[in-house]
Amino acid sequence: MLPYKGDEDMFGEDFLFGASLSGFQFEMGRNSPESIDRGSDWYTWAHDKLNIENGIVSGTFPESGPNYWTGFEEFHTLAADAGMKIIRIGLEWSRILPKPTFERWTDDLDDICNTEAIEHYRGIIEDIRNRGIKVMVNLNHFSLPIWLHEPIRVNRYSDFTAGGWADPRAAEEFRKFAGLCGRRLGDIVDMWSTENEPNVLATLGYRNRASGFPPSIIRPELAGVARDNLINAHLLGYEELKKETSSPVGLIYAMSWIDGEERAVDSALKAQFEFIDRIKDSTDFLGLNYYSRMVVESDEESDSGYRTLPGFGQGCKPNSLSRSGRPTSDFGWEIYPEGLYNILKTTMRRYDIPVFITENGIADATDGLRPYYLIGHLKTVEKLIEEGFSVKGYMHWSLTDNYEWASGLGMRFGLVSVDFNDGSLTPRPSYYLLKEIIKQDSVNGFKKMLKEPYDIFDETLLIE
């Protein structure tokens, strides 16, 4: 592939290419006992024998993961060699505060916090910054300390003594965690995010038992309680971090483009934006996570007023074609880059808030589809920038394979392959493709891949 010979850079020198990681999904590793954190709800949930026997979780364990905790330097070298300008990481609440904080004030946690863990995170962040790469730190990516959420007790006995995000104490405890992190690490963090995909977290644990997310109960009213508590947690965490740092503080949110019947689409978009509508005045940026679309139709019997149609978006058969003829991933998610263009444009028109793409990627063990996924989605971003929309950056999910929640080690999202037996890292072809895109600062040199062998980009599907 010859270098692109355009008249000017298409993404621009201020555009931040990078990758997103999280704590629980990346930190632990088979050959690294010091990396293991047994103090979270997800660690307990993934190891529960009944969960494994019933297929609620995979039966593979996070301590067999990619070992970012002690191997972070190799991860950062791969990011730097690809030309990345930003890395998003997560801090594990259960590592930093392994003991309950209920009886403590926000500024009275130093004697019960894990100083060794905080200093280890400082070393990770400094290693990133020493390579000339910016750091976005996210404070909550689904997992909670076991003292705040005991999912087995909630699931089996309806015991909400430690009820997670359904617990009325959760938002205040998050404020304390945010304040501690801001005080101890605020001098070296470029950007903060309070939460990752709170809309997903509130829904899956209380409305979608098939997702395998704890506590895996059908209590729709608790989904609303969890959502409200997550909103309050963001507002309190934002307030606390702004006391400690001058760096931007934002929120990372899961977005889908929504197609289908007009009335159903309107209802689904309204529901999707509700959370952001309630916090928009207390966020300095919005991180948008996009994987695929939804197609909906009206359903008067549903409490939402619509239902999601199978065969589109995330409701497809794995490694097949969607009902619209698009290829699908190992997870059964339809490749639909036009949806990223549409939801970005809709979101940026609705809110006067800087926007980053903080997750975008595909489960693809063979790397057969990932190159086309990358080209298609980055083409939409480039087109928006050409139209004058100020998208600030793109963080791929993810740099390496990881522990994909209830699916365990089975879903491979990495630009870099992880051998979960020996921990070795091997870049896939898509890693080198993204490296070349970053170098060329455009996807125009690869635009043939939008049509061959898959037709994955149709400009007639883009909104005006």
Protein backbone atom coordinates (compact mmCIF):
# COMPACT_ATOMS: atom_id res chain seq x y z
CA MET A 1 0.00 0.00 0.00
CA LEU A 2 1.48 3.30 -1.11
CA PRO A 3 1.37 6.26 1.28
CA TYR A 4 -1.65 8.50 0.91
CA LYS A 5 -0.78 11.60 -1.12
CA GLY A 6 -3.58 13.91 -0.04
CA ASP A 7 -3.25 17.67 0.12
CA GLU A 8 -3.52 17.78 3.89
CA ASP A 9 -3.81 15.63 6.98
CA MET A 10 -7.37 14.43 7.34
CA PHE A 11 -7.61 13.73 11.08
CA GLY A 12 -5.28 16.55 12.06
CA GLU A 13 -2.29 16.83 14.35
CA ASP A 14 -4.44 17.39 17.47
CA PHE A 15 -6.49 14.24 16.91
CA LEU A 16 -5.67 11.59 19.52
CA PHE A 17 -5.38 8.02 18.27
CA GLY A 18 -5.10 5.40 20.98
CA ALA A 19 -6.56 2.40 22.76
CA SER A 20 -8.74 1.73 25.80
CA LEU A 21 -8.09 -0.78 28.57
CA SER A 22 -9.78 -1.44 31.90
CA GLY A 23 -8.65 -2.74 35.28
CA PHE A 24 -10.40 -6.06 35.95
CA GLN A 25 -10.29 -7.22 32.34
CA PHE A 26 -6.56 -6.68 31.83
CA GLU A 27 -4.61 -6.52 35.07
CA MET A 28 -4.46 -10.12 36.24
CA GLY A 29 -2.25 -12.79 34.67
CA ARG A 30 -1.49 -16.49 34.99
CA ASN A 31 2.20 -16.14 35.83
CA SER A 32 1.83 -13.13 38.11
CA PRO A 33 0.51 -13.89 41.63
CA GLU A 34 0.98 -10.25 42.65
CA SER A 35 -1.48 -9.20 39.95
CA ILE A 36 -4.43 -11.08 41.44
CA ASP A 37 -7.19 -9.04 43.06
CA ARG A 38 -9.76 -11.23 44.82
CA GLY A 39 -11.61 -8.29 46.33
CA SER A 40 -14.15 -7.48 43.61
CA ASP A 41 -17.70 -8.63 42.93
CA TRP A 42 -16.71 -9.84 39.47
CA TYR A 43 -13.90 -12.03 40.83
CA THR A 44 -16.39 -13.74 43.15
CA TRP A 45 -19.02 -13.97 40.40
CA ALA A 46 -16.65 -15.49 37.82
CA HIS A 47 -15.49 -18.19 40.27
CA ASP A 48 -18.90 -19.24 41.60
CA LYS A 49 -19.47 -22.93 40.89
CA LEU A 50 -23.22 -22.65 40.33
CA ASN A 51 -22.69 -19.78 37.90
CA ILE A 52 -20.22 -21.92 35.96
CA GLU A 53 -22.44 -25.05 36.04
CA ASN A 54 -25.41 -23.07 34.72
CA GLY A 55 -23.46 -21.35 31.96
CA ILE A 56 -23.95 -17.89 33.46
CA VAL A 57 -20.19 -17.34 33.25
CA SER A 58 -17.57 -18.99 31.07
CA GLY A 59 -15.59 -21.03 33.58
CA THR A 60 -12.39 -19.26 32.58
CA PHE A 61 -10.86 -16.96 35.14
CA PRO A 62 -9.51 -13.39 35.17
CA GLU A 63 -6.25 -14.47 36.80
CA SER A 64 -5.44 -16.16 33.47
CA GLY A 65 -5.71 -12.78 31.72
CA PRO A 66 -3.15 -10.60 29.91
CA ASN A 67 -1.26 -9.42 33.05
CA TYR A 68 -1.18 -5.68 32.48
CA TRP A 69 -0.44 -5.22 36.20
CA THR A 70 3.17 -6.34 35.94
CA GLY A 71 3.59 -6.38 32.15
CA PHE A 72 2.40 -2.84 31.46
CA GLU A 73 5.70 -1.70 29.94
CA GLU A 74 5.32 -4.12 27.01
CA PHE A 75 1.76 -2.88 26.44
CA HIS A 76 2.94 0.72 26.41
CA THR A 77 5.79 -0.07 24.04
CA LEU A 78 3.30 -1.57 21.58
CA ALA A 79 1.10 1.53 21.85
CA ALA A 80 4.03 3.89 21.35
CA ASP A 81 5.39 1.89 18.40
CA ALA A 82 1.99 2.17 16.72
CA GLY A 83 2.09 5.96 17.08
CA MET A 84 -0.72 6.15 19.63
CA LYS A 85 -1.16 9.45 21.44
CA ILE A 86 -3.53 8.41 24.23
CA ILE A 87 -4.20 5.37 26.41
CA ARG A 88 -7.25 4.98 28.59
CA ILE A 89 -6.79 2.81 31.68
CA GLY A 90 -8.96 1.95 34.68
CA LEU A 91 -8.36 2.01 38.42
CA GLU A 92 -9.76 -0.91 40.41
CA TRP A 93 -11.76 0.37 43.39
CA SER A 94 -11.26 -2.96 45.17
CA ARG A 95 -7.46 -2.72 44.91
CA ILE A 96 -7.26 0.82 46.21
CA LEU A 97 -9.91 0.50 48.95
CA PRO A 98 -10.08 -3.17 49.95
CA LYS A 99 -11.87 -2.32 53.23
CA PRO A 100 -15.29 -0.67 53.72
CA THR A 101 -15.41 3.12 53.78
CA PHE A 102 -18.95 3.54 55.15
CA GLU A 103 -17.87 5.10 58.45
CA ARG A 104 -15.21 7.37 56.96
CA TRP A 105 -15.13 10.91 55.62
CA THR A 106 -13.83 11.61 52.12
CA ASP A 107 -10.52 13.00 53.44
CA ASP A 108 -10.09 10.25 56.05
CA LEU A 109 -9.10 7.23 53.97
CA ASP A 110 -5.31 7.27 53.91
CA ASP A 111 -4.92 4.76 56.74
CA ILE A 112 -7.21 2.15 55.11
CA CYS A 113 -6.30 2.62 51.46
CA ASN A 114 -3.81 0.34 49.72
CA THR A 115 -0.91 2.75 49.27
CA GLU A 116 1.12 0.11 47.45
CA ALA A 117 -1.62 -0.22 44.82
CA ILE A 118 -1.88 3.56 44.39
CA GLU A 119 1.87 3.85 43.92
CA HIS A 120 1.79 1.00 41.42
CA TYR A 121 -0.87 2.85 39.42
CA ARG A 122 1.34 5.94 39.61
CA GLY A 123 4.15 3.94 38.05
CA ILE A 124 1.86 2.75 35.25
CA ILE A 125 0.67 6.29 34.51
CA GLU A 126 4.16 7.75 34.60
CA ASP A 127 5.42 5.08 32.21
CA ILE A 128 2.70 6.07 29.73
CA ARG A 129 3.44 9.78 30.06
CA ASN A 130 7.20 9.24 29.77
CA ARG A 131 6.56 7.92 26.27
CA GLY A 132 4.81 11.14 25.24
CA ILE A 133 1.35 9.56 25.45
CA LYS A 134 -1.61 11.14 27.23
CA VAL A 135 -3.49 9.22 29.92
CA MET A 136 -7.24 9.05 30.46
CA VAL A 137 -8.10 7.37 33.77
CA ASN A 138 -11.52 5.83 34.30
CA LEU A 139 -12.68 5.17 37.87
CA ASN A 140 -15.41 2.56 37.48
CA HIS A 141 -15.66 -0.03 34.74
CA PHE A 142 -18.40 -2.36 36.04
CA SER A 143 -16.54 -4.09 38.91
CA LEU A 144 -17.15 -3.08 42.55
CA PRO A 145 -15.47 -3.95 45.86
CA ILE A 146 -17.06 -7.03 47.39
CA TRP A 147 -17.82 -5.04 50.55
CA LEU A 148 -20.14 -2.84 48.46
CA HIS A 149 -21.62 -5.58 46.28
CA GLU A 150 -22.02 -9.23 47.25
CA PRO A 151 -23.71 -10.50 44.09
CA ILE A 152 -24.17 -14.11 45.21
CA ARG A 153 -26.13 -13.01 48.29
CA VAL A 154 -28.23 -10.64 46.20
CA ASN A 155 -28.87 -13.28 43.54
CA ARG A 156 -29.59 -16.31 45.75
CA TYR A 157 -31.09 -14.80 48.89
CA SER A 158 -32.34 -11.31 47.90
CA ASP A 159 -29.96 -9.99 50.56
CA PHE A 160 -29.15 -6.41 49.63
CA THR A 161 -26.95 -5.69 52.66
CA ALA A 162 -24.19 -5.04 50.11
CA GLY A 163 -26.41 -4.23 47.15
CA GLY A 164 -24.01 -2.65 44.67
CA TRP A 165 -25.49 0.13 42.57
CA ALA A 166 -28.92 -0.66 44.01
CA ASP A 167 -27.53 0.26 47.44
CA PRO A 168 -28.44 3.82 48.51
CA ARG A 169 -24.93 4.25 49.95
CA ALA A 170 -23.14 3.52 46.67
CA ALA A 171 -22.96 7.06 45.26
CA GLU A 172 -21.49 8.52 48.46
CA GLU A 173 -18.90 5.74 48.68
CA PHE A 174 -17.94 6.43 45.08
CA ARG A 175 -17.45 10.09 45.98
CA LYS A 176 -14.91 9.04 48.60
CA PHE A 177 -13.07 6.81 46.12
CA ALA A 178 -12.98 9.58 43.50
CA GLY A 179 -11.68 12.11 46.00
CA LEU A 180 -8.90 9.79 47.15
CA CYS A 181 -7.80 9.06 43.57
CA GLY A 182 -7.85 12.75 42.70
CA ARG A 183 -5.72 13.65 45.71
CA ARG A 184 -3.18 10.90 45.19
CA LEU A 185 -2.91 10.82 41.38
CA GLY A 186 -4.36 14.10 40.13
CA ASP A 187 -0.95 15.62 39.42
CA ILE A 188 -0.18 13.12 36.63
CA VAL A 189 -3.56 12.35 35.00
CA ASP A 190 -4.42 14.18 31.78
CA MET A 191 -8.15 13.34 31.76
CA TRP A 192 -10.52 11.61 34.16
CA SER A 193 -13.70 9.65 33.53
CA THR A 194 -15.97 8.79 36.42
CA GLU A 195 -17.80 5.80 34.93
CA ASN A 196 -17.76 3.54 31.91
CA GLU A 197 -21.12 2.65 30.32
CA PRO A 198 -23.36 3.22 33.34
CA ASN A 199 -26.38 2.67 31.09
CA VAL A 200 -25.17 -0.85 30.30
CA LEU A 201 -24.34 -1.57 33.92
CA ALA A 202 -27.75 -0.50 35.19
CA THR A 203 -29.59 -2.56 32.59
CA LEU A 204 -27.73 -5.86 32.35
CA GLY A 205 -27.60 -6.77 36.02
CA TYR A 206 -31.31 -6.19 36.65
CA ARG A 207 -33.12 -6.71 33.32
CA ASN A 208 -31.03 -9.10 31.23
CA ARG A 209 -30.17 -12.33 33.03
CA ALA A 210 -28.72 -13.83 29.83
CA SER A 211 -25.90 -11.26 29.88
CA GLY A 212 -24.29 -12.97 32.87
CA PHE A 213 -23.77 -9.63 34.62
CA PRO A 214 -24.10 -9.69 38.41
CA PRO A 215 -26.37 -9.85 40.24
CA SER A 216 -28.30 -11.36 37.29
CA ILE A 217 -31.83 -10.82 38.58
CA ILE A 218 -35.01 -9.66 36.86
CA ARG A 219 -35.99 -6.58 38.85
CA PRO A 220 -36.72 -3.76 36.37
CA GLU A 221 -37.45 -1.29 39.16
CA LEU A 222 -33.92 -1.84 40.50
CA ALA A 223 -32.51 -1.00 37.08
CA GLY A 224 -34.03 2.44 37.60
CA VAL A 225 -32.61 2.66 41.13
CA ALA A 226 -29.16 1.67 39.87
CA ARG A 227 -29.36 4.22 37.07
CA ASP A 228 -30.26 7.02 39.49
CA ASN A 229 -27.46 6.01 41.85
CA LEU A 230 -24.98 5.96 38.98
CA ILE A 231 -26.11 9.44 37.94
CA ASN A 232 -25.61 10.68 41.50
CA ALA A 233 -22.25 8.93 41.68
CA HIS A 234 -21.07 10.74 38.56
CA LEU A 235 -22.25 14.11 39.88
CA LEU A 236 -20.58 13.57 43.26
CA GLY A 237 -17.43 12.13 41.71
CA TYR A 238 -17.20 15.02 39.27
CA GLU A 239 -17.56 17.50 42.11
CA GLU A 240 -14.90 15.75 44.17
CA LEU A 241 -12.38 15.43 41.33
CA LYS A 242 -12.79 19.11 40.38
CA LYS A 243 -11.65 19.99 43.91
CA GLU A 244 -8.44 18.04 43.41
CA THR A 245 -7.43 18.59 39.79
CA SER A 246 -7.66 21.04 36.91
CA SER A 247 -7.76 18.19 34.38
CA PRO A 248 -11.00 17.56 32.45
CA VAL A 249 -13.48 15.16 34.06
CA GLY A 250 -15.92 13.33 31.82
CA LEU A 251 -18.18 10.32 31.43
CA ILE A 252 -17.92 7.31 29.10
CA TYR A 253 -21.24 6.14 27.69
CA ALA A 254 -22.42 3.27 25.48
CA MET A 255 -24.21 4.40 22.33
CA SER A 256 -25.95 2.58 19.49
CA TRP A 257 -27.40 4.06 16.35
CA ILE A 258 -31.08 3.17 16.18
CA ASP A 259 -32.96 2.30 12.98
CA GLY A 260 -36.54 1.10 12.51
CA GLU A 261 -40.07 2.42 12.94
CA GLU A 262 -40.04 6.17 13.57
CA ARG A 263 -42.04 6.12 16.81
CA ALA A 264 -39.97 3.27 18.22
CA VAL A 265 -36.73 4.99 17.18
CA ASP A 266 -37.80 8.19 18.93
CA SER A 267 -38.56 6.28 22.13
CA ALA A 268 -35.28 4.37 22.04
CA LEU A 269 -33.18 7.48 21.37
CA LYS A 270 -34.95 9.36 24.18
CA ALA A 271 -34.16 6.51 26.59
CA GLN A 272 -30.55 6.38 25.39
CA PHE A 273 -29.96 10.09 25.98
CA GLU A 274 -31.78 10.34 29.32
CA PHE A 275 -28.70 9.71 31.45
CA ILE A 276 -26.59 12.28 29.61
CA ASP A 277 -29.40 14.83 29.68
CA ARG A 278 -29.27 14.65 33.48
CA ILE A 279 -25.49 15.15 33.83
CA LYS A 280 -24.62 17.27 30.79
CA ASP A 281 -23.85 20.36 32.86
CA SER A 282 -21.42 18.40 35.03
CA THR A 283 -19.12 16.82 32.50
CA ASP A 284 -16.19 18.32 30.62
CA PHE A 285 -16.27 15.76 27.83
CA LEU A 286 -18.22 12.75 26.68
CA GLY A 287 -16.61 9.44 25.79
CA LEU A 288 -18.72 7.58 23.27
CA ASN A 289 -18.48 3.77 23.00
CA TYR A 290 -19.89 2.37 19.76
CA TYR A 291 -19.94 -1.20 18.45
CA SER A 292 -23.06 -1.60 16.32
CA ARG A 293 -26.65 -0.45 15.82
CA MET A 294 -30.12 -1.47 17.00
CA VAL A 295 -33.19 -1.95 14.82
CA VAL A 296 -36.47 -1.47 16.68
CA GLU A 297 -40.21 -1.67 16.18
CA SER A 298 -43.12 -0.56 18.33
CA ASP A 299 -44.30 -2.93 21.05
CA GLU A 300 -47.21 -1.72 23.14
CA GLU A 301 -46.74 -4.56 25.64
CA SER A 302 -43.19 -3.50 26.46
CA ASP A 303 -42.62 -0.99 29.25
CA SER A 304 -40.25 0.84 26.88
CA GLY A 305 -42.76 0.99 24.02
CA TYR A 306 -40.46 -0.81 21.58
CA ARG A 307 -38.59 -4.04 21.06
CA THR A 308 -35.28 -4.83 19.39
CA LEU A 309 -35.45 -6.92 16.22
CA PRO A 310 -33.17 -9.97 16.00
CA GLY A 311 -30.81 -10.34 13.07
CA PHE A 312 -29.39 -6.83 13.26
CA GLY A 313 -26.83 -5.07 15.47
CA GLN A 314 -25.84 -7.16 18.47
CA GLY A 315 -28.64 -9.66 17.85
CA CYS A 316 -27.09 -11.71 15.05
CA LYS A 317 -25.63 -15.20 14.77
CA PRO A 318 -21.85 -15.24 15.20
CA ASN A 319 -19.67 -15.37 12.11
CA SER A 320 -22.56 -15.05 9.70
CA LEU A 321 -24.42 -12.30 7.89
CA SER A 322 -26.97 -9.96 9.40
CA ARG A 323 -30.43 -9.65 7.86
CA SER A 324 -29.07 -6.69 5.90
CA GLY A 325 -26.20 -8.79 4.53
CA ARG A 326 -23.44 -7.35 6.72
CA PRO A 327 -20.75 -9.65 8.19
CA THR A 328 -20.98 -10.38 11.92
CA SER A 329 -18.30 -10.90 14.56
CA ASP A 330 -17.44 -13.82 16.83
CA PHE A 331 -19.94 -12.24 19.26
CA GLY A 332 -22.64 -12.00 16.58
CA TRP A 333 -22.42 -8.22 16.25
CA GLU A 334 -23.15 -6.67 12.86
CA ILE A 335 -20.53 -4.43 11.26
CA TYR A 336 -22.36 -1.14 10.72
CA PRO A 337 -19.97 1.85 10.62
CA GLU A 338 -22.64 4.20 9.29
CA GLY A 339 -24.16 4.03 12.77
CA LEU A 340 -21.05 5.60 14.29
CA TYR A 341 -21.33 8.54 11.92
CA ASN A 342 -25.04 8.95 12.67
CA ILE A 343 -24.86 8.69 16.45
CA LEU A 344 -21.79 10.94 16.64
CA LYS A 345 -23.47 13.62 14.54
CA THR A 346 -26.72 13.34 16.54
CA THR A 347 -24.89 13.50 19.86
CA MET A 348 -22.66 16.43 18.91
CA ARG A 349 -25.65 18.41 17.68
CA ARG A 350 -27.54 17.69 20.91
CA TYR A 351 -24.76 18.60 23.36
CA ASP A 352 -22.13 21.31 23.36
CA ILE A 353 -19.57 18.95 24.92
CA PRO A 354 -16.24 17.72 23.47
CA VAL A 355 -16.56 14.11 22.29
CA PHE A 356 -14.02 11.27 22.15
CA ILE A 357 -14.63 7.80 20.77
CA THR A 358 -13.50 5.80 23.79
CA GLU A 359 -14.37 2.29 22.58
CA ASN A 360 -14.85 0.80 19.14
CA GLY A 361 -13.81 -2.70 18.17
CA ILE A 362 -14.72 -6.23 17.21
CA ALA A 363 -14.44 -9.75 18.62
CA ASP A 364 -12.47 -11.42 15.85
CA ALA A 365 -9.99 -14.17 16.75
CA THR A 366 -8.79 -14.65 13.17
CA ASP A 367 -8.41 -10.91 12.46
CA GLY A 368 -10.30 -11.50 9.23
CA LEU A 369 -12.86 -8.74 9.77
CA ARG A 370 -11.05 -6.31 12.07
CA PRO A 371 -9.18 -4.51 9.24
CA TYR A 372 -12.47 -3.76 7.49
CA TYR A 373 -14.11 -2.77 10.77
CA LEU A 374 -11.28 -0.32 11.43
CA ILE A 375 -11.35 1.23 7.96
CA GLY A 376 -15.14 1.57 7.94
CA HIS A 377 -15.45 3.22 11.34
CA LEU A 378 -12.46 5.51 10.94
CA LYS A 379 -13.82 6.59 7.56
CA THR A 380 -16.95 7.87 9.32
CA VAL A 381 -14.83 9.82 11.82
CA GLU A 382 -12.71 11.32 9.08
CA LYS A 383 -15.82 12.34 7.17
CA LEU A 384 -17.28 14.08 10.23
CA ILE A 385 -14.03 15.98 10.79
CA GLU A 386 -14.04 17.05 7.12
CA GLU A 387 -17.59 18.35 7.69
CA GLY A 388 -16.40 20.46 10.62
CA PHE A 389 -17.36 18.30 13.59
CA SER A 390 -14.64 18.37 16.23
CA VAL A 391 -14.19 14.73 17.23
CA LYS A 392 -11.26 14.79 19.65
CA GLY A 393 -9.90 11.26 19.41
CA TYR A 394 -10.37 7.56 18.74
CA MET A 395 -9.49 4.82 21.24
CA HIS A 396 -9.77 1.30 19.91
CA TRP A 397 -11.10 -1.53 22.05
CA SER A 398 -8.63 -2.84 22.57
CA LEU A 399 -4.87 -2.90 22.39
CA THR A 400 -4.75 -6.58 23.41
CA ASP A 401 -7.14 -9.44 24.02
CA ASN A 402 -8.72 -9.37 27.47
CA TYR A 403 -11.11 -11.04 29.89
CA GLU A 404 -14.49 -10.30 28.35
CA TRP A 405 -16.73 -10.45 31.43
CA ALA A 406 -19.15 -13.42 31.39
CA SER A 407 -17.62 -14.63 28.12
CA GLY A 408 -14.23 -14.92 29.78
CA LEU A 409 -11.20 -15.42 27.56
CA GLY A 410 -13.19 -16.55 24.53
CA MET A 411 -13.82 -13.24 22.79
CA ARG A 412 -10.72 -11.71 21.19
CA PHE A 413 -10.93 -7.92 20.81
CA GLY A 414 -7.21 -7.16 20.59
CA LEU A 415 -5.11 -5.53 17.93
CA VAL A 416 -2.51 -7.70 19.67
CA SER A 417 -3.08 -11.39 20.35
CA VAL A 418 -2.47 -12.74 23.86
CA ASP A 419 -1.35 -16.32 24.41
CA PHE A 420 -3.18 -16.98 27.67
CA ASN A 421 -0.93 -19.97 28.41
CA ASP A 422 2.39 -18.14 28.51
CA GLY A 423 1.27 -14.48 28.39
CA SER A 424 3.13 -13.62 25.18
CA LEU A 425 1.87 -10.76 23.02
CA THR A 426 1.83 -10.93 19.20
CA PRO A 427 0.58 -8.06 17.03
CA ARG A 428 -2.12 -9.01 14.54
CA PRO A 429 -2.19 -7.59 10.98
CA SER A 430 -4.80 -5.05 12.11
CA TYR A 431 -2.26 -3.60 14.55
CA TYR A 432 0.02 -2.75 11.63
CA LEU A 433 -2.92 -1.42 9.64
CA LEU A 434 -3.86 1.02 12.41
CA LYS A 435 -0.20 1.97 12.72
CA GLU A 436 -0.17 2.88 9.02
CA ILE A 437 -3.45 4.82 9.29
CA ILE A 438 -1.98 6.84 12.16
CA LYS A 439 1.15 7.47 10.12
CA GLN A 440 -0.81 8.57 7.05
CA ASP A 441 -3.36 10.45 9.17
CA SER A 442 -6.11 9.23 6.87
CA VAL A 443 -7.96 6.11 5.73
CA ASN A 444 -8.21 7.35 2.15
CA GLY A 445 -5.32 5.15 1.08
CA PHE A 446 -7.39 2.12 2.09
CA LYS A 447 -10.83 3.14 0.80
CA LYS A 448 -11.09 0.13 -1.54
CA MET A 449 -11.52 -1.96 1.59
CA LEU A 450 -14.88 -0.27 2.18
CA LYS A 451 -16.32 -2.22 -0.78
CA GLU A 452 -14.12 -5.26 -1.26
CA PRO A 453 -14.71 -8.03 -0.31
CA TYR A 454 -17.52 -6.64 1.89
CA ASP A 455 -19.73 -3.68 1.11
CA ILE A 456 -19.61 -2.12 4.59
CA PHE A 457 -19.99 1.58 3.93
CA ASP A 458 -23.05 3.05 2.22
CA GLU A 459 -23.15 6.84 2.23
CA THR A 460 -26.90 6.80 1.50
CA LEU A 461 -27.40 5.50 5.06
CA LEU A 462 -25.78 8.58 6.62
CA ILE A 463 -28.05 11.20 8.15
CA GLU A 464 -28.05 14.76 6.85
